[in-house]
Amino acid sequence: MTTFDDRKKAEEARFKHDQEFQFKVTARRNKLLGHWAAELMNMAPAEASAYATSVVKADFEEAGDADVVRKVLGDLSDNNIECDEDKLRVEMERLMKVAESQLHEE
């Protein structure tokens, strides 16, 4: 019975670690996305940093990426920058890989 309990604890610990890592990757991706969008909007560095933080916070509004997509697309549109959802999602996928790579290096 002890071996089974040990395996169960190990699986639970691995699951917890994986969930925490995925949360960090998504938050890093959103921050990178915020900086990407800020650059398109020609924001100054301090303003870009604050904007990137606001993109990270936007992800807490609802499950999934819809809240982030809505915010960034809305902000780009408000600044007369053409970007459709497909282009944005492609950039999000690219940045997800970058974020994961960065966190693996830390």
PDB file of N, CA and C in Angstrom:
ATOM      1  N   MET A   1       0.820  -1.194   0.000  1.00  0.00           N
ATOM      2  CA  MET A   1       0.000   0.000   0.000  1.00  0.00           C
ATOM      3  C   MET A   1       0.868   1.264   0.000  1.00  0.00           C
ATOM      4  N   THR A   2       2.013   1.212   0.634  1.00  0.00           N
ATOM      5  CA  THR A   2       2.900   2.369   0.702  1.00  0.00           C
ATOM      6  C   THR A   2       3.392   2.771  -0.675  1.00  0.00           C
ATOM      7  N   THR A   3       3.716   1.808  -1.513  1.00  0.00           N
ATOM      8  CA  THR A   3       4.187   2.104  -2.870  1.00  0.00           C
ATOM      9  C   THR A   3       3.104   2.825  -3.650  1.00  0.00           C
ATOM     10  N   PHE A   4       1.881   2.363  -3.520  1.00  0.00           N
ATOM     11  CA  PHE A   4       0.759   3.013  -4.200  1.00  0.00           C
ATOM     12  C   PHE A   4       0.592   4.449  -3.701  1.00  0.00           C
ATOM     13  N   ASP A   5       0.662   4.638  -2.396  1.00  0.00           N
ATOM     14  CA  ASP A   5       0.535   5.979  -1.824  1.00  0.00           C
ATOM     15  C   ASP A   5       1.670   6.889  -2.291  1.00  0.00           C
ATOM     16  N   ASP A   6       2.871   6.349  -2.366  1.00  0.00           N
ATOM     17  CA  ASP A   6       4.015   7.129  -2.842  1.00  0.00           C
ATOM     18  C   ASP A   6       3.825   7.544  -4.291  1.00  0.00           C
ATOM     19  N   ARG A   7       3.347   6.618  -5.110  1.00  0.00           N
ATOM     20  CA  ARG A   7       3.094   6.938  -6.516  1.00  0.00           C
ATOM     21  C   ARG A   7       2.023   8.009  -6.644  1.00  0.00           C
ATOM     22  N   LYS A   8       0.991   7.868  -5.865  1.00  0.00           N
ATOM     23  CA  LYS A   8      -0.109   8.841  -5.906  1.00  0.00           C
ATOM     24  C   LYS A   8       0.396  10.232  -5.525  1.00  0.00           C
ATOM     25  N   LYS A   9       1.186  10.310  -4.472  1.00  0.00           N
ATOM     26  CA  LYS A   9       1.747  11.596  -4.048  1.00  0.00           C
ATOM     27  C   LYS A   9       2.666  12.176  -5.118  1.00  0.00           C
ATOM     28  N   ALA A  10       3.454  11.323  -5.742  1.00  0.00           N
ATOM     29  CA  ALA A  10       4.359  11.782  -6.796  1.00  0.00           C
ATOM     30  C   ALA A  10       3.570  12.315  -7.985  1.00  0.00           C
ATOM     31  N   GLU A  11       2.513  11.618  -8.366  1.00  0.00           N
ATOM     32  CA  GLU A  11       1.664  12.073  -9.479  1.00  0.00           C
ATOM     33  C   GLU A  11       0.986  13.397  -9.143  1.00  0.00           C
ATOM     34  N   GLU A  12       0.507  13.534  -7.924  1.00  0.00           N
ATOM     35  CA  GLU A  12      -0.123  14.782  -7.504  1.00  0.00           C
ATOM     36  C   GLU A  12       0.879  15.932  -7.513  1.00  0.00           C
ATOM     37  N   ALA A  13       2.079  15.672  -7.062  1.00  0.00           N
ATOM     38  CA  ALA A  13       3.121  16.702  -7.055  1.00  0.00           C
ATOM     39  C   ALA A  13       3.489  17.098  -8.481  1.00  0.00           C
ATOM     40  N   ARG A  14       3.604  16.119  -9.375  1.00  0.00           N
ATOM     41  CA  ARG A  14       3.926  16.404 -10.774  1.00  0.00           C
ATOM     42  C   ARG A  14       2.807  17.214 -11.430  1.00  0.00           C
ATOM     43  N   PHE A  15       1.558  16.844 -11.159  1.00  0.00           N
ATOM     44  CA  PHE A  15       0.419  17.570 -11.704  1.00  0.00           C
ATOM     45  C   PHE A  15       0.426  19.019 -11.216  1.00  0.00           C
ATOM     46  N   LYS A  16       0.656  19.213  -9.937  1.00  0.00           N
ATOM     47  CA  LYS A  16       0.710  20.559  -9.369  1.00  0.00           C
ATOM     48  C   LYS A  16       1.829  21.375 -10.019  1.00  0.00           C
ATOM     49  N   HIS A  17       2.995  20.767 -10.164  1.00  0.00           N
ATOM     50  CA  HIS A  17       4.129  21.447 -10.793  1.00  0.00           C
ATOM     51  C   HIS A  17       3.794  21.834 -12.237  1.00  0.00           C
ATOM     52  N   ASP A  18       3.204  20.901 -12.980  1.00  0.00           N
ATOM     53  CA  ASP A  18       2.849  21.170 -14.377  1.00  0.00           C
ATOM     54  C   ASP A  18       1.835  22.303 -14.488  1.00  0.00           C
ATOM     55  N   GLN A  19       0.861  22.328 -13.590  1.00  0.00           N
ATOM     56  CA  GLN A  19      -0.150  23.387 -13.608  1.00  0.00           C
ATOM     57  C   GLN A  19       0.469  24.741 -13.285  1.00  0.00           C
ATOM     58  N   GLU A  20       1.346  24.778 -12.300  1.00  0.00           N
ATOM     59  CA  GLU A  20       2.022  26.026 -11.940  1.00  0.00           C
ATOM     60  C   GLU A  20       2.914  26.513 -13.076  1.00  0.00           C
ATOM     61  N   PHE A  21       3.604  25.590 -13.718  1.00  0.00           N
ATOM     62  CA  PHE A  21       4.472  25.952 -14.835  1.00  0.00           C
ATOM     63  C   PHE A  21       3.638  26.519 -15.985  1.00  0.00           C
ATOM     64  N   GLN A  22       2.526  25.873 -16.300  1.00  0.00           N
ATOM     65  CA  GLN A  22       1.673  26.353 -17.391  1.00  0.00           C
ATOM     66  C   GLN A  22       1.117  27.742 -17.077  1.00  0.00           C
ATOM     67  N   PHE A  23       0.767  27.998 -15.831  1.00  0.00           N
ATOM     68  CA  PHE A  23       0.299  29.320 -15.420  1.00  0.00           C
ATOM     69  C   PHE A  23       1.382  30.362 -15.663  1.00  0.00           C
ATOM     70  N   LYS A  24       2.613  30.033 -15.271  1.00  0.00           N
ATOM     71  CA  LYS A  24       3.733  30.965 -15.459  1.00  0.00           C
ATOM     72  C   LYS A  24       4.015  31.209 -16.936  1.00  0.00           C
ATOM     73  N   VAL A  25       3.940  30.149 -17.746  1.00  0.00           N
ATOM     74  CA  VAL A  25       4.176  30.300 -19.183  1.00  0.00           C
ATOM     75  C   VAL A  25       3.121  31.212 -19.798  1.00  0.00           C
ATOM     76  N   THR A  26       1.879  31.012 -19.442  1.00  0.00           N
ATOM     77  CA  THR A  26       0.797  31.834 -19.994  1.00  0.00           C
ATOM     78  C   THR A  26       0.947  33.286 -19.560  1.00  0.00           C
ATOM     79  N   ALA A  27       1.281  33.512 -18.311  1.00  0.00           N
ATOM     80  CA  ALA A  27       1.479  34.886 -17.831  1.00  0.00           C
ATOM     81  C   ALA A  27       2.653  35.543 -18.563  1.00  0.00           C
ATOM     82  N   ARG A  28       3.747  34.794 -18.766  1.00  0.00           N
ATOM     83  CA  ARG A  28       4.901  35.335 -19.496  1.00  0.00           C
ATOM     84  C   ARG A  28       4.504  35.628 -20.938  1.00  0.00           C
ATOM     85  N   ARG A  29       3.760  34.725 -21.569  1.00  0.00           N
ATOM     86  CA  ARG A  29       3.304  34.939 -22.939  1.00  0.00           C
ATOM     87  C   ARG A  29       2.474  36.217 -23.034  1.00  0.00           C
ATOM     88  N   ASN A  30       1.580  36.415 -22.075  1.00  0.00           N
ATOM     89  CA  ASN A  30       0.732  37.603 -22.089  1.00  0.00           C
ATOM     90  C   ASN A  30       1.556  38.876 -21.915  1.00  0.00           C
ATOM     91  N   LYS A  31       2.579  38.807 -21.090  1.00  0.00           N
ATOM     92  CA  LYS A  31       3.455  39.964 -20.909  1.00  0.00           C
ATOM     93  C   LYS A  31       4.209  40.266 -22.200  1.00  0.00           C
ATOM     94  N   LEU A  32       4.725  39.229 -22.835  1.00  0.00           N
ATOM     95  CA  LEU A  32       5.404  39.411 -24.115  1.00  0.00           C
ATOM     96  C   LEU A  32       4.447  39.954 -25.169  1.00  0.00           C
ATOM     97  N   LEU A  33       3.215  39.458 -25.157  1.00  0.00           N
ATOM     98  CA  LEU A  33       2.198  39.940 -26.094  1.00  0.00           C
ATOM     99  C   LEU A  33       1.908  41.416 -25.850  1.00  0.00           C
ATOM    100  N   GLY A  34       1.845  41.800 -24.588  1.00  0.00           N
ATOM    101  CA  GLY A  34       1.628  43.205 -24.253  1.00  0.00           C
ATOM    102  C   GLY A  34       2.741  44.086 -24.777  1.00  0.00           C
ATOM    103  N   HIS A  35       3.969  43.624 -24.654  1.00  0.00           N
ATOM    104  CA  HIS A  35       5.105  44.397 -25.180  1.00  0.00           C
ATOM    105  C   HIS A  35       5.068  44.454 -26.712  1.00  0.00           C
ATOM    106  N   TRP A  36       4.678  43.361 -27.337  1.00  0.00           N
ATOM    107  CA  TRP A  36       4.545  43.323 -28.800  1.00  0.00           C
ATOM    108  C   TRP A  36       3.514  44.346 -29.263  1.00  0.00           C
ATOM    109  N   ALA A  37       2.353  44.343 -28.617  1.00  0.00           N
ATOM    110  CA  ALA A  37       1.288  45.283 -28.990  1.00  0.00           C
ATOM    111  C   ALA A  37       1.699  46.722 -28.676  1.00  0.00           C
ATOM    112  N   ALA A  38       2.364  46.915 -27.555  1.00  0.00           N
ATOM    113  CA  ALA A  38       2.824  48.259 -27.175  1.00  0.00           C
ATOM    114  C   ALA A  38       3.790  48.813 -28.210  1.00  0.00           C
ATOM    115  N   GLU A  39       4.645  47.943 -28.739  1.00  0.00           N
ATOM    116  CA  GLU A  39       5.574  48.383 -29.780  1.00  0.00           C
ATOM    117  C   GLU A  39       4.809  48.814 -31.032  1.00  0.00           C
ATOM    118  N   LEU A  40       3.774  48.051 -31.389  1.00  0.00           N
ATOM    119  CA  LEU A  40       2.951  48.432 -32.542  1.00  0.00           C
ATOM    120  C   LEU A  40       2.273  49.781 -32.325  1.00  0.00           C
ATOM    121  N   MET A  41       1.952  50.066 -31.061  1.00  0.00           N
ATOM    122  CA  MET A  41       1.265  51.326 -30.720  1.00  0.00           C
ATOM    123  C   MET A  41       2.253  52.445 -30.410  1.00  0.00           C
ATOM    124  N   ASN A  42       3.549  52.178 -30.615  1.00  0.00           N
ATOM    125  CA  ASN A  42       4.605  53.174 -30.399  1.00  0.00           C
ATOM    126  C   ASN A  42       4.610  53.761 -28.988  1.00  0.00           C
ATOM    127  N   MET A  43       4.438  52.895 -27.996  1.00  0.00           N
ATOM    128  CA  MET A  43       4.449  53.345 -26.607  1.00  0.00           C
ATOM    129  C   MET A  43       5.877  53.531 -26.109  1.00  0.00           C
ATOM    130  N   ALA A  44       6.047  54.474 -25.213  1.00  0.00           N
ATOM    131  CA  ALA A  44       7.333  54.677 -24.539  1.00  0.00           C
ATOM    132  C   ALA A  44       7.577  53.473 -23.620  1.00  0.00           C
ATOM    133  N   PRO A  45       8.835  53.214 -23.258  1.00  0.00           N
ATOM    134  CA  PRO A  45       9.150  52.026 -22.440  1.00  0.00           C
ATOM    135  C   PRO A  45       8.331  51.896 -21.152  1.00  0.00           C
ATOM    136  N   ALA A  46       8.197  52.957 -20.405  1.00  0.00           N
ATOM    137  CA  ALA A  46       7.434  52.874 -19.145  1.00  0.00           C
ATOM    138  C   ALA A  46       5.966  52.578 -19.419  1.00  0.00           C
ATOM    139  N   GLU A  47       5.431  53.213 -20.432  1.00  0.00           N
ATOM    140  CA  GLU A  47       4.032  52.994 -20.807  1.00  0.00           C
ATOM    141  C   GLU A  47       3.847  51.561 -21.320  1.00  0.00           C
ATOM    142  N   ALA A  48       4.822  51.070 -22.075  1.00  0.00           N
ATOM    143  CA  ALA A  48       4.764  49.707 -22.602  1.00  0.00           C
ATOM    144  C   ALA A  48       4.784  48.682 -21.475  1.00  0.00           C
ATOM    145  N   SER A  49       5.594  48.920 -20.463  1.00  0.00           N
ATOM    146  CA  SER A  49       5.665  48.014 -19.326  1.00  0.00           C
ATOM    147  C   SER A  49       4.328  47.972 -18.576  1.00  0.00           C
ATOM    148  N   ALA A  50       3.741  49.132 -18.363  1.00  0.00           N
ATOM    149  CA  ALA A  50       2.432  49.191 -17.696  1.00  0.00           C
ATOM    150  C   ALA A  50       1.361  48.512 -18.549  1.00  0.00           C
ATOM    151  N   TYR A  51       1.443  48.704 -19.849  1.00  0.00           N
ATOM    152  CA  TYR A  51       0.465  48.076 -20.738  1.00  0.00           C
ATOM    153  C   TYR A  51       0.614  46.553 -20.699  1.00  0.00           C
ATOM    154  N   ALA A  52       1.844  46.059 -20.736  1.00  0.00           N
ATOM    155  CA  ALA A  52       2.077  44.615 -20.681  1.00  0.00           C
ATOM    156  C   ALA A  52       1.487  44.025 -19.400  1.00  0.00           C
ATOM    157  N   THR A  53       1.640  44.735 -18.307  1.00  0.00           N
ATOM    158  CA  THR A  53       1.054  44.285 -17.037  1.00  0.00           C
ATOM    159  C   THR A  53      -0.466  44.245 -17.125  1.00  0.00           C
ATOM    160  N   SER A  54      -1.057  45.218 -17.813  1.00  0.00           N
ATOM    161  CA  SER A  54      -2.517  45.236 -17.955  1.00  0.00           C
ATOM    162  C   SER A  54      -3.016  44.073 -18.803  1.00  0.00           C
ATOM    163  N   VAL A  55      -2.196  43.626 -19.757  1.00  0.00           N
ATOM    164  CA  VAL A  55      -2.569  42.461 -20.564  1.00  0.00           C
ATOM    165  C   VAL A  55      -2.536  41.204 -19.699  1.00  0.00           C
ATOM    166  N   VAL A  56      -1.534  41.089 -18.846  1.00  0.00           N
ATOM    167  CA  VAL A  56      -1.462  39.945 -17.927  1.00  0.00           C
ATOM    168  C   VAL A  56      -2.693  39.932 -17.030  1.00  0.00           C
ATOM    169  N   LYS A  57      -3.057  41.078 -16.487  1.00  0.00           N
ATOM    170  CA  LYS A  57      -4.222  41.166 -15.596  1.00  0.00           C
ATOM    171  C   LYS A  57      -5.527  40.864 -16.323  1.00  0.00           C
ATOM    172  N   ALA A  58      -5.595  41.209 -17.605  1.00  0.00           N
ATOM    173  CA  ALA A  58      -6.818  40.961 -18.374  1.00  0.00           C
ATOM    174  C   ALA A  58      -7.141  39.473 -18.455  1.00  0.00           C
ATOM    175  N   ASP A  59      -6.115  38.638 -18.343  1.00  0.00           N
ATOM    176  CA  ASP A  59      -6.320  37.194 -18.453  1.00  0.00           C
ATOM    177  C   ASP A  59      -7.094  36.621 -17.275  1.00  0.00           C
ATOM    178  N   PHE A  60      -7.240  37.373 -16.205  1.00  0.00           N
ATOM    179  CA  PHE A  60      -7.955  36.879 -15.028  1.00  0.00           C
ATOM    180  C   PHE A  60      -9.458  37.140 -15.097  1.00  0.00           C
ATOM    181  N   GLU A  61      -9.923  37.758 -16.182  1.00  0.00           N
ATOM    182  CA  GLU A  61     -11.344  38.077 -16.308  1.00  0.00           C
ATOM    183  C   GLU A  61     -12.198  36.844 -16.569  1.00  0.00           C
ATOM    184  N   GLU A  62     -11.698  35.924 -17.383  1.00  0.00           N
ATOM    185  CA  GLU A  62     -12.439  34.698 -17.682  1.00  0.00           C
ATOM    186  C   GLU A  62     -11.451  33.615 -18.101  1.00  0.00           C
ATOM    187  N   ALA A  63     -11.919  32.378 -18.111  1.00  0.00           N
ATOM    188  CA  ALA A  63     -11.061  31.269 -18.507  1.00  0.00           C
ATOM    189  C   ALA A  63     -10.746  31.350 -19.994  1.00  0.00           C
ATOM    190  N   GLY A  64      -9.565  30.883 -20.363  1.00  0.00           N
ATOM    191  CA  GLY A  64      -9.173  30.888 -21.767  1.00  0.00           C
ATOM    192  C   GLY A  64      -8.524  32.194 -22.180  1.00  0.00           C
ATOM    193  N   ASP A  65      -8.296  32.319 -23.480  1.00  0.00           N
ATOM    194  CA  ASP A  65      -7.588  33.475 -24.009  1.00  0.00           C
ATOM    195  C   ASP A  65      -8.497  34.567 -24.563  1.00  0.00           C
ATOM    196  N   ALA A  66      -9.804  34.349 -24.559  1.00  0.00           N
ATOM    197  CA  ALA A  66     -10.727  35.305 -25.183  1.00  0.00           C
ATOM    198  C   ALA A  66     -10.612  36.700 -24.578  1.00  0.00           C
ATOM    199  N   ASP A  67     -10.411  36.785 -23.270  1.00  0.00           N
ATOM    200  CA  ASP A  67     -10.306  38.086 -22.624  1.00  0.00           C
ATOM    201  C   ASP A  67      -9.058  38.837 -23.069  1.00  0.00           C
ATOM    202  N   VAL A  68      -7.962  38.122 -23.236  1.00  0.00           N
ATOM    203  CA  VAL A  68      -6.710  38.744 -23.688  1.00  0.00           C
ATOM    204  C   VAL A  68      -6.845  39.177 -25.139  1.00  0.00           C
ATOM    205  N   VAL A  69      -7.401  38.312 -25.968  1.00  0.00           N
ATOM    206  CA  VAL A  69      -7.600  38.634 -27.386  1.00  0.00           C
ATOM    207  C   VAL A  69      -8.480  39.874 -27.520  1.00  0.00           C
ATOM    208  N   ARG A  70      -9.557  39.892 -26.777  1.00  0.00           N
ATOM    209  CA  ARG A  70     -10.489  41.028 -26.833  1.00  0.00           C
ATOM    210  C   ARG A  70      -9.794  42.334 -26.430  1.00  0.00           C
ATOM    211  N   LYS A  71      -9.028  42.297 -25.355  1.00  0.00           N
ATOM    212  CA  LYS A  71      -8.341  43.504 -24.891  1.00  0.00           C
ATOM    213  C   LYS A  71      -7.336  44.011 -25.918  1.00  0.00           C
ATOM    214  N   VAL A  72      -6.457  43.128 -26.362  1.00  0.00           N
ATOM    215  CA  VAL A  72      -5.393  43.554 -27.271  1.00  0.00           C
ATOM    216  C   VAL A  72      -5.970  44.009 -28.610  1.00  0.00           C
ATOM    217  N   LEU A  73      -6.911  43.249 -29.156  1.00  0.00           N
ATOM    218  CA  LEU A  73      -7.525  43.674 -30.422  1.00  0.00           C
ATOM    219  C   LEU A  73      -8.230  45.012 -30.270  1.00  0.00           C
ATOM    220  N   GLY A  74      -8.921  45.208 -29.165  1.00  0.00           N
ATOM    221  CA  GLY A  74      -9.602  46.472 -28.912  1.00  0.00           C
ATOM    222  C   GLY A  74      -8.629  47.630 -28.808  1.00  0.00           C
ATOM    223  N   ASP A  75      -7.541  47.417 -28.095  1.00  0.00           N
ATOM    224  CA  ASP A  75      -6.542  48.479 -27.930  1.00  0.00           C
ATOM    225  C   ASP A  75      -5.848  48.802 -29.257  1.00  0.00           C
ATOM    226  N   LEU A  76      -5.542  47.769 -30.029  1.00  0.00           N
ATOM    227  CA  LEU A  76      -4.930  48.017 -31.334  1.00  0.00           C
ATOM    228  C   LEU A  76      -5.902  48.774 -32.243  1.00  0.00           C
ATOM    229  N   SER A  77      -7.138  48.366 -32.230  1.00  0.00           N
ATOM    230  CA  SER A  77      -8.160  49.033 -33.045  1.00  0.00           C
ATOM    231  C   SER A  77      -8.330  50.493 -32.617  1.00  0.00           C
ATOM    232  N   ASP A  78      -8.345  50.737 -31.311  1.00  0.00           N
ATOM    233  CA  ASP A  78      -8.473  52.105 -30.802  1.00  0.00           C
ATOM    234  C   ASP A  78      -7.309  52.991 -31.248  1.00  0.00           C
ATOM    235  N   ASN A  79      -6.178  52.357 -31.551  1.00  0.00           N
ATOM    236  CA  ASN A  79      -5.002  53.091 -31.998  1.00  0.00           C
ATOM    237  C   ASN A  79      -4.815  53.009 -33.521  1.00  0.00           C
ATOM    238  N   ASN A  80      -5.894  52.631 -34.205  1.00  0.00           N
ATOM    239  CA  ASN A  80      -5.904  52.547 -35.671  1.00  0.00           C
ATOM    240  C   ASN A  80      -4.826  51.630 -36.243  1.00  0.00           C
ATOM    241  N   ILE A  81      -4.589  50.520 -35.559  1.00  0.00           N
ATOM    242  CA  ILE A  81      -3.625  49.536 -36.025  1.00  0.00           C
ATOM    243  C   ILE A  81      -4.408  48.307 -36.473  1.00  0.00           C
ATOM    244  N   GLU A  82      -4.210  47.939 -37.724  1.00  0.00           N
ATOM    245  CA  GLU A  82      -4.937  46.797 -38.274  1.00  0.00           C
ATOM    246  C   GLU A  82      -4.326  45.490 -37.796  1.00  0.00           C
ATOM    247  N   CYS A  83      -5.150  44.676 -37.188  1.00  0.00           N
ATOM    248  CA  CYS A  83      -4.733  43.353 -36.730  1.00  0.00           C
ATOM    249  C   CYS A  83      -6.012  42.543 -36.538  1.00  0.00           C
ATOM    250  N   ASP A  84      -6.080  41.403 -37.196  1.00  0.00           N
ATOM    251  CA  ASP A  84      -7.257  40.564 -37.001  1.00  0.00           C
ATOM    252  C   ASP A  84      -6.965  39.479 -35.967  1.00  0.00           C
ATOM    253  N   GLU A  85      -7.991  38.767 -35.581  1.00  0.00           N
ATOM    254  CA  GLU A  85      -7.842  37.760 -34.535  1.00  0.00           C
ATOM    255  C   GLU A  85      -6.885  36.646 -34.951  1.00  0.00           C
ATOM    256  N   ASP A  86      -6.928  36.261 -36.216  1.00  0.00           N
ATOM    257  CA  ASP A  86      -6.027  35.195 -36.676  1.00  0.00           C
ATOM    258  C   ASP A  86      -4.568  35.594 -36.516  1.00  0.00           C
ATOM    259  N   LYS A  87      -4.243  36.811 -36.933  1.00  0.00           N
ATOM    260  CA  LYS A  87      -2.860  37.290 -36.815  1.00  0.00           C
ATOM    261  C   LYS A  87      -2.447  37.350 -35.340  1.00  0.00           C
ATOM    262  N   LEU A  88      -3.357  37.823 -34.503  1.00  0.00           N
ATOM    263  CA  LEU A  88      -3.062  37.920 -33.080  1.00  0.00           C
ATOM    264  C   LEU A  88      -2.829  36.536 -32.472  1.00  0.00           C
ATOM    265  N   ARG A  89      -3.659  35.585 -32.820  1.00  0.00           N
ATOM    266  CA  ARG A  89      -3.512  34.234 -32.266  1.00  0.00           C
ATOM    267  C   ARG A  89      -2.229  33.554 -32.748  1.00  0.00           C
ATOM    268  N   VAL A  90      -1.825  33.831 -33.975  1.00  0.00           N
ATOM    269  CA  VAL A  90      -0.546  33.304 -34.466  1.00  0.00           C
ATOM    270  C   VAL A  90       0.594  33.880 -33.633  1.00  0.00           C
ATOM    271  N   GLU A  91       0.522  35.180 -33.347  1.00  0.00           N
ATOM    272  CA  GLU A  91       1.551  35.811 -32.514  1.00  0.00           C
ATOM    273  C   GLU A  91       1.528  35.238 -31.102  1.00  0.00           C
ATOM    274  N   MET A  92       0.336  34.969 -30.576  1.00  0.00           N
ATOM    275  CA  MET A  92       0.228  34.377 -29.245  1.00  0.00           C
ATOM    276  C   MET A  92       0.869  32.989 -29.212  1.00  0.00           C
ATOM    277  N   GLU A  93       0.673  32.208 -30.254  1.00  0.00           N
ATOM    278  CA  GLU A  93       1.289  30.878 -30.323  1.00  0.00           C
ATOM    279  C   GLU A  93       2.807  30.989 -30.373  1.00  0.00           C
ATOM    280  N   ARG A  94       3.301  31.930 -31.174  1.00  0.00           N
ATOM    281  CA  ARG A  94       4.746  32.123 -31.274  1.00  0.00           C
ATOM    282  C   ARG A  94       5.319  32.529 -29.917  1.00  0.00           C
ATOM    283  N   LEU A  95       4.638  33.459 -29.258  1.00  0.00           N
ATOM    284  CA  LEU A  95       5.113  33.953 -27.969  1.00  0.00           C
ATOM    285  C   LEU A  95       4.980  32.906 -26.860  1.00  0.00           C
ATOM    286  N   MET A  96       4.028  31.994 -27.000  1.00  0.00           N
ATOM    287  CA  MET A  96       3.899  30.907 -26.019  1.00  0.00           C
ATOM    288  C   MET A  96       5.164  30.050 -26.048  1.00  0.00           C
ATOM    289  N   LYS A  97       5.673  29.776 -27.241  1.00  0.00           N
ATOM    290  CA  LYS A  97       6.908  28.997 -27.376  1.00  0.00           C
ATOM    291  C   LYS A  97       8.099  29.761 -26.805  1.00  0.00           C
ATOM    292  N   VAL A  98       8.136  31.066 -27.050  1.00  0.00           N
ATOM    293  CA  VAL A  98       9.214  31.899 -26.513  1.00  0.00           C
ATOM    294  C   VAL A  98       9.157  31.889 -24.982  1.00  0.00           C
ATOM    295  N   ALA A  99       7.962  32.082 -24.434  1.00  0.00           N
ATOM    296  CA  ALA A  99       7.796  32.115 -22.975  1.00  0.00           C
ATOM    297  C   ALA A  99       8.208  30.792 -22.346  1.00  0.00           C
ATOM    298  N   GLU A 100       7.806  29.697 -22.949  1.00  0.00           N
ATOM    299  CA  GLU A 100       8.161  28.382 -22.414  1.00  0.00           C
ATOM    300  C   GLU A 100       9.674  28.188 -22.453  1.00  0.00           C
ATOM    301  N   SER A 101      10.281  28.582 -23.537  1.00  0.00           N
ATOM    302  CA  SER A 101      11.731  28.470 -23.657  1.00  0.00           C
ATOM    303  C   SER A 101      12.439  29.321 -22.602  1.00  0.00           C
ATOM    304  N   GLN A 102      11.966  30.536 -22.403  1.00  0.00           N
ATOM    305  CA  GLN A 102      12.574  31.419 -21.400  1.00  0.00           C
ATOM    306  C   GLN A 102      12.472  30.828 -20.002  1.00  0.00           C
ATOM    307  N   LEU A 103      11.315  30.263 -19.673  1.00  0.00           N
ATOM    308  CA  LEU A 103      11.135  29.723 -18.330  1.00  0.00           C
ATOM    309  C   LEU A 103      11.939  28.429 -18.126  1.00  0.00           C
ATOM    310  N   HIS A 104      12.138  27.674 -19.170  1.00  0.00           N
ATOM    311  CA  HIS A 104      12.979  26.472 -19.046  1.00  0.00           C
ATOM    312  C   HIS A 104      14.426  26.845 -18.793  1.00  0.00           C
ATOM    313  N   GLU A 105      14.840  28.010 -19.305  1.00  0.00           N
ATOM    314  CA  GLU A 105      16.222  28.459 -19.134  1.00  0.00           C
ATOM    315  C   GLU A 105      16.489  29.006 -17.729  1.00  0.00           C
ATOM    316  N   GLU A 106      15.445  29.421 -17.020  1.00  0.00           N
ATOM    317  CA  GLU A 106      15.639  30.019 -15.688  1.00  0.00           C
ATOM    318  C   GLU A 106      15.945  28.973 -14.652  1.00  0.00           C
TER     319      GLU A 106
END
